[in-house]
Amino acid sequence: MIVKLVAWALRHAKLSQEDRVLLTNQLLSTVGALPLHATFTVDEAGKLLMRGVPLEYEQAVVLRESATNILHSTAWKLIKEQVLYEAISKGVHEALNNDQVLFGKAAIWFGQQQDKMLKVLAQDTGNALLSSD
């Protein structure tokens, strides 16, 4: 029932963009969905939070080791370079319209975000990610 009401309000009500965002976030929180940017964060102390909850020590160790392995993987490096090459080739050198240029830029941005997130997960800030407090 509430989903229908929210969907109607988003389609038909004269809501400001801010109200639309608030309403959408409330709906997503109610049904237990979270936006991608809320999946993991690092708090002020450097501790990793998954959906706002600190990780258990064992989970943090596994996550950090996995991220470190990916960053040091030869296959990962080759794939990353190949995708970057393709994105530049198709988005800059072979682009026939603005959509292809934007798609190439999005592919490059996506690769940068992957690297950034892996480095955050693999960091060892004095075991702050692994602290058990």
N, C-alpha and C. Protein backbone atom coordinates (compact mmCIF):
# COMPACT_ATOMS: atom_id res chain seq x y z
N MET A 1 0.82 -1.19 0.00
CA MET A 1 0.00 0.00 0.00
C MET A 1 0.87 1.27 0.00
N ILE A 2 1.86 1.28 0.89
CA ILE A 2 2.69 2.48 0.99
C ILE A 2 3.51 2.68 -0.28
N VAL A 3 3.91 1.57 -0.93
CA VAL A 3 4.69 1.69 -2.16
C VAL A 3 3.86 2.38 -3.24
N LYS A 4 2.60 2.02 -3.33
CA LYS A 4 1.73 2.65 -4.32
C LYS A 4 1.57 4.14 -4.03
N LEU A 5 1.42 4.47 -2.78
CA LEU A 5 1.27 5.87 -2.38
C LEU A 5 2.53 6.68 -2.73
N VAL A 6 3.70 6.12 -2.42
CA VAL A 6 4.96 6.81 -2.72
C VAL A 6 5.15 6.93 -4.23
N ALA A 7 4.86 5.85 -4.96
CA ALA A 7 4.99 5.89 -6.42
C ALA A 7 4.07 6.95 -7.01
N TRP A 8 2.85 7.03 -6.51
CA TRP A 8 1.92 8.05 -7.00
C TRP A 8 2.45 9.44 -6.69
N ALA A 9 2.95 9.64 -5.47
CA ALA A 9 3.46 10.95 -5.08
C ALA A 9 4.67 11.35 -5.94
N LEU A 10 5.54 10.39 -6.23
CA LEU A 10 6.71 10.70 -7.06
C LEU A 10 6.32 11.06 -8.49
N ARG A 11 5.25 10.44 -9.00
CA ARG A 11 4.83 10.71 -10.37
C ARG A 11 3.96 11.95 -10.50
N HIS A 12 3.04 12.16 -9.55
CA HIS A 12 2.00 13.15 -9.75
C HIS A 12 2.09 14.38 -8.84
N ALA A 13 2.66 14.24 -7.68
CA ALA A 13 2.70 15.38 -6.76
C ALA A 13 3.76 16.38 -7.21
N LYS A 14 3.52 17.62 -6.92
CA LYS A 14 4.49 18.66 -7.25
C LYS A 14 5.48 18.78 -6.10
N LEU A 15 6.48 17.91 -6.15
CA LEU A 15 7.49 17.86 -5.10
C LEU A 15 8.77 18.49 -5.61
N SER A 16 9.49 19.12 -4.70
CA SER A 16 10.81 19.65 -5.07
C SER A 16 11.76 18.47 -5.24
N GLN A 17 12.89 18.70 -5.86
CA GLN A 17 13.88 17.64 -6.05
C GLN A 17 14.34 17.12 -4.70
N GLU A 18 14.51 18.02 -3.75
CA GLU A 18 14.94 17.63 -2.40
C GLU A 18 13.90 16.72 -1.74
N ASP A 19 12.62 17.06 -1.88
CA ASP A 19 11.56 16.22 -1.31
C ASP A 19 11.50 14.86 -1.99
N ARG A 20 11.73 14.85 -3.29
CA ARG A 20 11.74 13.57 -4.02
C ARG A 20 12.86 12.68 -3.51
N VAL A 21 14.04 13.25 -3.29
CA VAL A 21 15.17 12.47 -2.79
C VAL A 21 14.86 11.96 -1.38
N LEU A 22 14.34 12.81 -0.53
CA LEU A 22 13.99 12.38 0.83
C LEU A 22 12.95 11.27 0.83
N LEU A 23 11.93 11.41 0.00
CA LEU A 23 10.88 10.40 -0.09
C LEU A 23 11.43 9.08 -0.62
N THR A 24 12.27 9.16 -1.63
CA THR A 24 12.87 7.95 -2.19
C THR A 24 13.78 7.27 -1.18
N ASN A 25 14.61 8.04 -0.48
CA ASN A 25 15.48 7.47 0.54
C ASN A 25 14.69 6.83 1.67
N GLN A 26 13.59 7.46 2.07
CA GLN A 26 12.75 6.89 3.12
C GLN A 26 12.15 5.57 2.67
N LEU A 27 11.68 5.53 1.43
CA LEU A 27 11.12 4.29 0.89
C LEU A 27 12.17 3.19 0.86
N LEU A 28 13.36 3.52 0.36
CA LEU A 28 14.43 2.53 0.29
C LEU A 28 14.83 2.04 1.68
N SER A 29 14.86 2.92 2.66
CA SER A 29 15.19 2.53 4.02
C SER A 29 14.10 1.63 4.61
N THR A 30 12.84 1.94 4.29
CA THR A 30 11.72 1.16 4.81
C THR A 30 11.76 -0.27 4.29
N VAL A 31 12.08 -0.45 3.02
CA VAL A 31 12.10 -1.79 2.45
C VAL A 31 13.45 -2.47 2.62
N GLY A 32 14.40 -1.79 3.25
CA GLY A 32 15.69 -2.40 3.54
C GLY A 32 16.70 -2.28 2.42
N ALA A 33 16.40 -1.51 1.40
CA ALA A 33 17.35 -1.31 0.30
C ALA A 33 18.24 -0.12 0.63
N LEU A 34 19.45 -0.18 0.17
CA LEU A 34 20.37 0.93 0.39
C LEU A 34 20.98 1.34 -0.94
N PRO A 35 21.21 2.62 -1.12
CA PRO A 35 21.90 3.04 -2.34
C PRO A 35 23.33 2.50 -2.33
N LEU A 36 23.92 2.36 -3.52
CA LEU A 36 25.26 1.80 -3.62
C LEU A 36 26.28 2.55 -2.78
N HIS A 37 26.17 3.87 -2.74
CA HIS A 37 27.17 4.63 -2.00
C HIS A 37 27.12 4.35 -0.51
N ALA A 38 26.06 3.72 -0.03
CA ALA A 38 25.93 3.44 1.40
C ALA A 38 26.36 2.02 1.73
N THR A 39 26.91 1.29 0.78
CA THR A 39 27.29 -0.08 1.05
C THR A 39 28.42 -0.15 2.06
N PHE A 40 29.52 0.56 1.82
CA PHE A 40 30.57 0.61 2.84
C PHE A 40 31.17 2.00 2.89
N THR A 41 31.58 2.35 4.10
CA THR A 41 32.21 3.64 4.34
C THR A 41 33.31 3.44 5.37
N VAL A 42 34.14 4.44 5.51
CA VAL A 42 35.18 4.43 6.53
C VAL A 42 34.89 5.59 7.46
N ASP A 43 34.79 5.32 8.76
CA ASP A 43 34.47 6.39 9.71
C ASP A 43 35.70 7.23 10.01
N GLU A 44 35.53 8.22 10.91
CA GLU A 44 36.61 9.16 11.24
C GLU A 44 37.83 8.45 11.82
N ALA A 45 37.61 7.36 12.54
CA ALA A 45 38.71 6.62 13.15
C ALA A 45 39.39 5.67 12.16
N GLY A 46 38.86 5.59 10.94
CA GLY A 46 39.44 4.71 9.94
C GLY A 46 38.88 3.30 9.96
N LYS A 47 37.82 3.10 10.73
CA LYS A 47 37.22 1.77 10.82
C LYS A 47 36.20 1.57 9.70
N LEU A 48 36.24 0.41 9.08
CA LEU A 48 35.36 0.10 7.97
C LEU A 48 33.96 -0.24 8.47
N LEU A 49 32.96 0.41 7.87
CA LEU A 49 31.57 0.16 8.22
C LEU A 49 30.87 -0.41 6.99
N MET A 50 30.15 -1.49 7.17
CA MET A 50 29.37 -2.08 6.09
C MET A 50 27.91 -1.79 6.40
N ARG A 51 27.29 -0.94 5.56
CA ARG A 51 25.92 -0.47 5.75
C ARG A 51 25.75 0.14 7.14
N GLY A 52 26.76 0.88 7.56
CA GLY A 52 26.71 1.61 8.81
C GLY A 52 27.07 0.81 10.04
N VAL A 53 27.38 -0.47 9.88
CA VAL A 53 27.70 -1.34 11.02
C VAL A 53 29.17 -1.76 10.93
N PRO A 54 29.91 -1.61 12.02
CA PRO A 54 31.32 -2.03 11.98
C PRO A 54 31.44 -3.52 11.68
N LEU A 55 32.47 -3.86 10.90
CA LEU A 55 32.70 -5.26 10.57
C LEU A 55 33.30 -6.00 11.74
N GLU A 56 33.03 -7.28 11.80
CA GLU A 56 33.70 -8.16 12.75
C GLU A 56 35.17 -8.23 12.33
N TYR A 57 36.04 -8.54 13.26
CA TYR A 57 37.48 -8.62 12.99
C TYR A 57 37.78 -9.58 11.83
N GLU A 58 37.18 -10.78 11.88
CA GLU A 58 37.44 -11.79 10.86
C GLU A 58 36.97 -11.32 9.48
N GLN A 59 35.81 -10.65 9.43
CA GLN A 59 35.29 -10.14 8.17
C GLN A 59 36.23 -9.09 7.59
N ALA A 60 36.75 -8.21 8.44
CA ALA A 60 37.65 -7.16 7.98
C ALA A 60 38.95 -7.76 7.45
N VAL A 61 39.46 -8.80 8.11
CA VAL A 61 40.69 -9.45 7.65
C VAL A 61 40.48 -10.06 6.27
N VAL A 62 39.39 -10.80 6.10
CA VAL A 62 39.11 -11.44 4.82
C VAL A 62 38.93 -10.40 3.72
N LEU A 63 38.19 -9.35 4.02
CA LEU A 63 37.95 -8.30 3.04
C LEU A 63 39.24 -7.61 2.63
N ARG A 64 40.09 -7.30 3.61
CA ARG A 64 41.34 -6.62 3.31
C ARG A 64 42.27 -7.52 2.50
N GLU A 65 42.35 -8.79 2.86
CA GLU A 65 43.21 -9.72 2.13
C GLU A 65 42.71 -9.91 0.69
N SER A 66 41.39 -9.99 0.52
CA SER A 66 40.81 -10.14 -0.82
C SER A 66 41.14 -8.94 -1.68
N ALA A 67 40.96 -7.74 -1.13
CA ALA A 67 41.24 -6.52 -1.89
C ALA A 67 42.72 -6.43 -2.24
N THR A 68 43.58 -6.80 -1.31
CA THR A 68 45.03 -6.78 -1.57
C THR A 68 45.39 -7.76 -2.67
N ASN A 69 44.79 -8.95 -2.63
CA ASN A 69 45.06 -9.94 -3.67
C ASN A 69 44.63 -9.45 -5.05
N ILE A 70 43.48 -8.81 -5.11
CA ILE A 70 43.01 -8.29 -6.39
C ILE A 70 43.95 -7.21 -6.90
N LEU A 71 44.36 -6.30 -6.03
CA LEU A 71 45.25 -5.21 -6.46
C LEU A 71 46.59 -5.72 -6.97
N HIS A 72 47.06 -6.84 -6.43
CA HIS A 72 48.35 -7.38 -6.84
C HIS A 72 48.24 -8.45 -7.92
N SER A 73 47.06 -8.73 -8.39
CA SER A 73 46.82 -9.76 -9.39
C SER A 73 47.27 -9.29 -10.77
N THR A 74 48.08 -10.09 -11.42
CA THR A 74 48.53 -9.78 -12.77
C THR A 74 47.35 -9.78 -13.73
N ALA A 75 46.47 -10.75 -13.58
CA ALA A 75 45.29 -10.82 -14.45
C ALA A 75 44.45 -9.55 -14.30
N TRP A 76 44.25 -9.10 -13.07
CA TRP A 76 43.46 -7.88 -12.82
C TRP A 76 44.09 -6.68 -13.50
N LYS A 77 45.42 -6.57 -13.39
CA LYS A 77 46.12 -5.44 -14.01
C LYS A 77 45.97 -5.47 -15.53
N LEU A 78 46.09 -6.66 -16.13
CA LEU A 78 45.94 -6.78 -17.58
C LEU A 78 44.52 -6.43 -18.02
N ILE A 79 43.53 -6.94 -17.30
CA ILE A 79 42.13 -6.66 -17.63
C ILE A 79 41.85 -5.17 -17.51
N LYS A 80 42.33 -4.57 -16.42
CA LYS A 80 42.10 -3.14 -16.18
C LYS A 80 42.71 -2.31 -17.30
N GLU A 81 43.92 -2.63 -17.71
CA GLU A 81 44.58 -1.89 -18.79
C GLU A 81 43.84 -2.09 -20.12
N GLN A 82 43.37 -3.31 -20.38
CA GLN A 82 42.66 -3.58 -21.62
C GLN A 82 41.34 -2.81 -21.68
N VAL A 83 40.61 -2.80 -20.58
CA VAL A 83 39.34 -2.07 -20.53
C VAL A 83 39.59 -0.57 -20.69
N LEU A 84 40.62 -0.05 -20.05
CA LEU A 84 40.96 1.36 -20.20
C LEU A 84 41.31 1.67 -21.65
N TYR A 85 42.09 0.82 -22.28
CA TYR A 85 42.45 1.01 -23.69
C TYR A 85 41.20 1.03 -24.56
N GLU A 86 40.30 0.08 -24.35
CA GLU A 86 39.06 0.00 -25.14
C GLU A 86 38.19 1.24 -24.91
N ALA A 87 38.09 1.68 -23.66
CA ALA A 87 37.27 2.86 -23.35
C ALA A 87 37.82 4.09 -24.05
N ILE A 88 39.13 4.26 -24.05
CA ILE A 88 39.74 5.41 -24.71
C ILE A 88 39.58 5.29 -26.22
N SER A 89 39.81 4.09 -26.75
CA SER A 89 39.69 3.89 -28.21
C SER A 89 38.28 4.19 -28.68
N LYS A 90 37.31 3.60 -28.02
CA LYS A 90 35.92 3.75 -28.46
C LYS A 90 35.35 5.12 -28.10
N GLY A 91 35.75 5.65 -26.94
CA GLY A 91 35.17 6.90 -26.48
C GLY A 91 35.84 8.15 -27.01
N VAL A 92 37.07 8.02 -27.48
CA VAL A 92 37.78 9.20 -27.97
C VAL A 92 38.08 9.08 -29.46
N HIS A 93 38.75 8.01 -29.85
CA HIS A 93 39.23 7.89 -31.22
C HIS A 93 38.16 7.43 -32.21
N GLU A 94 37.22 6.59 -31.76
CA GLU A 94 36.24 6.02 -32.68
C GLU A 94 34.82 6.55 -32.46
N ALA A 95 34.64 7.46 -31.53
CA ALA A 95 33.30 7.94 -31.19
C ALA A 95 32.66 8.66 -32.36
N LEU A 96 31.40 8.31 -32.61
CA LEU A 96 30.65 8.94 -33.70
C LEU A 96 29.62 9.93 -33.19
N ASN A 97 29.34 9.88 -31.89
CA ASN A 97 28.36 10.81 -31.31
C ASN A 97 28.67 11.03 -29.83
N ASN A 98 27.94 11.94 -29.22
CA ASN A 98 28.17 12.28 -27.81
C ASN A 98 27.93 11.12 -26.87
N ASP A 99 26.96 10.26 -27.19
CA ASP A 99 26.68 9.12 -26.33
C ASP A 99 27.88 8.19 -26.22
N GLN A 100 28.57 7.97 -27.31
CA GLN A 100 29.75 7.10 -27.29
C GLN A 100 30.89 7.74 -26.49
N VAL A 101 31.04 9.05 -26.59
CA VAL A 101 32.05 9.76 -25.80
C VAL A 101 31.72 9.63 -24.32
N LEU A 102 30.46 9.87 -23.96
CA LEU A 102 30.05 9.76 -22.56
C LEU A 102 30.20 8.34 -22.04
N PHE A 103 29.88 7.36 -22.86
CA PHE A 103 30.04 5.97 -22.45
C PHE A 103 31.50 5.65 -22.17
N GLY A 104 32.40 6.14 -23.03
CA GLY A 104 33.83 5.95 -22.81
C GLY A 104 34.29 6.60 -21.51
N LYS A 105 33.82 7.82 -21.27
CA LYS A 105 34.17 8.51 -20.03
C LYS A 105 33.63 7.76 -18.82
N ALA A 106 32.41 7.21 -18.93
CA ALA A 106 31.82 6.45 -17.83
C ALA A 106 32.63 5.18 -17.55
N ALA A 107 33.11 4.53 -18.60
CA ALA A 107 33.93 3.32 -18.42
C ALA A 107 35.24 3.66 -17.71
N ILE A 108 35.85 4.77 -18.08
CA ILE A 108 37.09 5.20 -17.43
C ILE A 108 36.81 5.53 -15.96
N TRP A 109 35.73 6.26 -15.70
CA TRP A 109 35.36 6.62 -14.33
C TRP A 109 35.11 5.37 -13.50
N PHE A 110 34.41 4.39 -14.07
CA PHE A 110 34.11 3.15 -13.36
C PHE A 110 35.40 2.45 -12.94
N GLY A 111 36.37 2.38 -13.85
CA GLY A 111 37.66 1.76 -13.51
C GLY A 111 38.37 2.51 -12.40
N GLN A 112 38.31 3.84 -12.43
CA GLN A 112 38.92 4.64 -11.38
C GLN A 112 38.25 4.39 -10.03
N GLN A 113 36.93 4.26 -10.04
CA GLN A 113 36.20 3.99 -8.81
C GLN A 113 36.54 2.62 -8.24
N GLN A 114 36.68 1.63 -9.12
CA GLN A 114 37.07 0.29 -8.67
C GLN A 114 38.42 0.35 -7.96
N ASP A 115 39.39 1.00 -8.59
CA ASP A 115 40.71 1.11 -7.97
C ASP A 115 40.65 1.83 -6.64
N LYS A 116 39.90 2.92 -6.60
CA LYS A 116 39.77 3.70 -5.37
C LYS A 116 39.19 2.86 -4.24
N MET A 117 38.12 2.12 -4.53
CA MET A 117 37.47 1.31 -3.50
C MET A 117 38.35 0.15 -3.06
N LEU A 118 39.04 -0.47 -4.00
CA LEU A 118 39.94 -1.56 -3.63
C LEU A 118 41.07 -1.06 -2.73
N LYS A 119 41.59 0.12 -3.03
CA LYS A 119 42.66 0.68 -2.20
C LYS A 119 42.15 1.01 -0.80
N VAL A 120 40.92 1.50 -0.70
CA VAL A 120 40.33 1.76 0.61
C VAL A 120 40.20 0.47 1.39
N LEU A 121 39.72 -0.58 0.75
CA LEU A 121 39.53 -1.86 1.42
C LEU A 121 40.85 -2.53 1.77
N ALA A 122 41.89 -2.30 0.98
CA ALA A 122 43.18 -2.94 1.20
C ALA A 122 44.09 -2.16 2.13
N GLN A 123 43.72 -0.96 2.48
CA GLN A 123 44.62 -0.12 3.29
C GLN A 123 44.88 -0.72 4.65
N ASP A 124 46.05 -0.44 5.16
CA ASP A 124 46.41 -0.86 6.51
C ASP A 124 46.82 0.39 7.26
N THR A 125 45.85 1.01 7.87
CA THR A 125 46.12 2.24 8.63
C THR A 125 46.31 1.88 10.10
N GLY A 126 47.42 1.22 10.37
CA GLY A 126 47.70 0.82 11.75
C GLY A 126 46.63 -0.13 12.27
N ASN A 127 46.11 -0.96 11.40
CA ASN A 127 45.05 -1.91 11.74
C ASN A 127 43.78 -1.22 12.21
N ALA A 128 43.57 0.03 11.80
CA ALA A 128 42.33 0.74 12.20
C ALA A 128 41.11 0.04 11.64
N LEU A 129 41.23 -0.52 10.42
CA LEU A 129 40.10 -1.25 9.86
C LEU A 129 39.84 -2.52 10.64
N LEU A 130 40.87 -3.01 11.28
CA LEU A 130 40.73 -4.30 11.95
C LEU A 130 40.57 -4.18 13.45
N SER A 131 40.50 -2.97 13.96
CA SER A 131 40.37 -2.83 15.41
C SER A 131 39.06 -3.44 15.86
N SER A 132 39.09 -4.09 17.00
CA SER A 132 37.92 -4.83 17.44
C SER A 132 37.02 -4.03 18.39
N ASP A 133 37.33 -2.74 18.62
CA ASP A 133 36.45 -1.98 19.53
C ASP A 133 35.13 -1.72 18.86
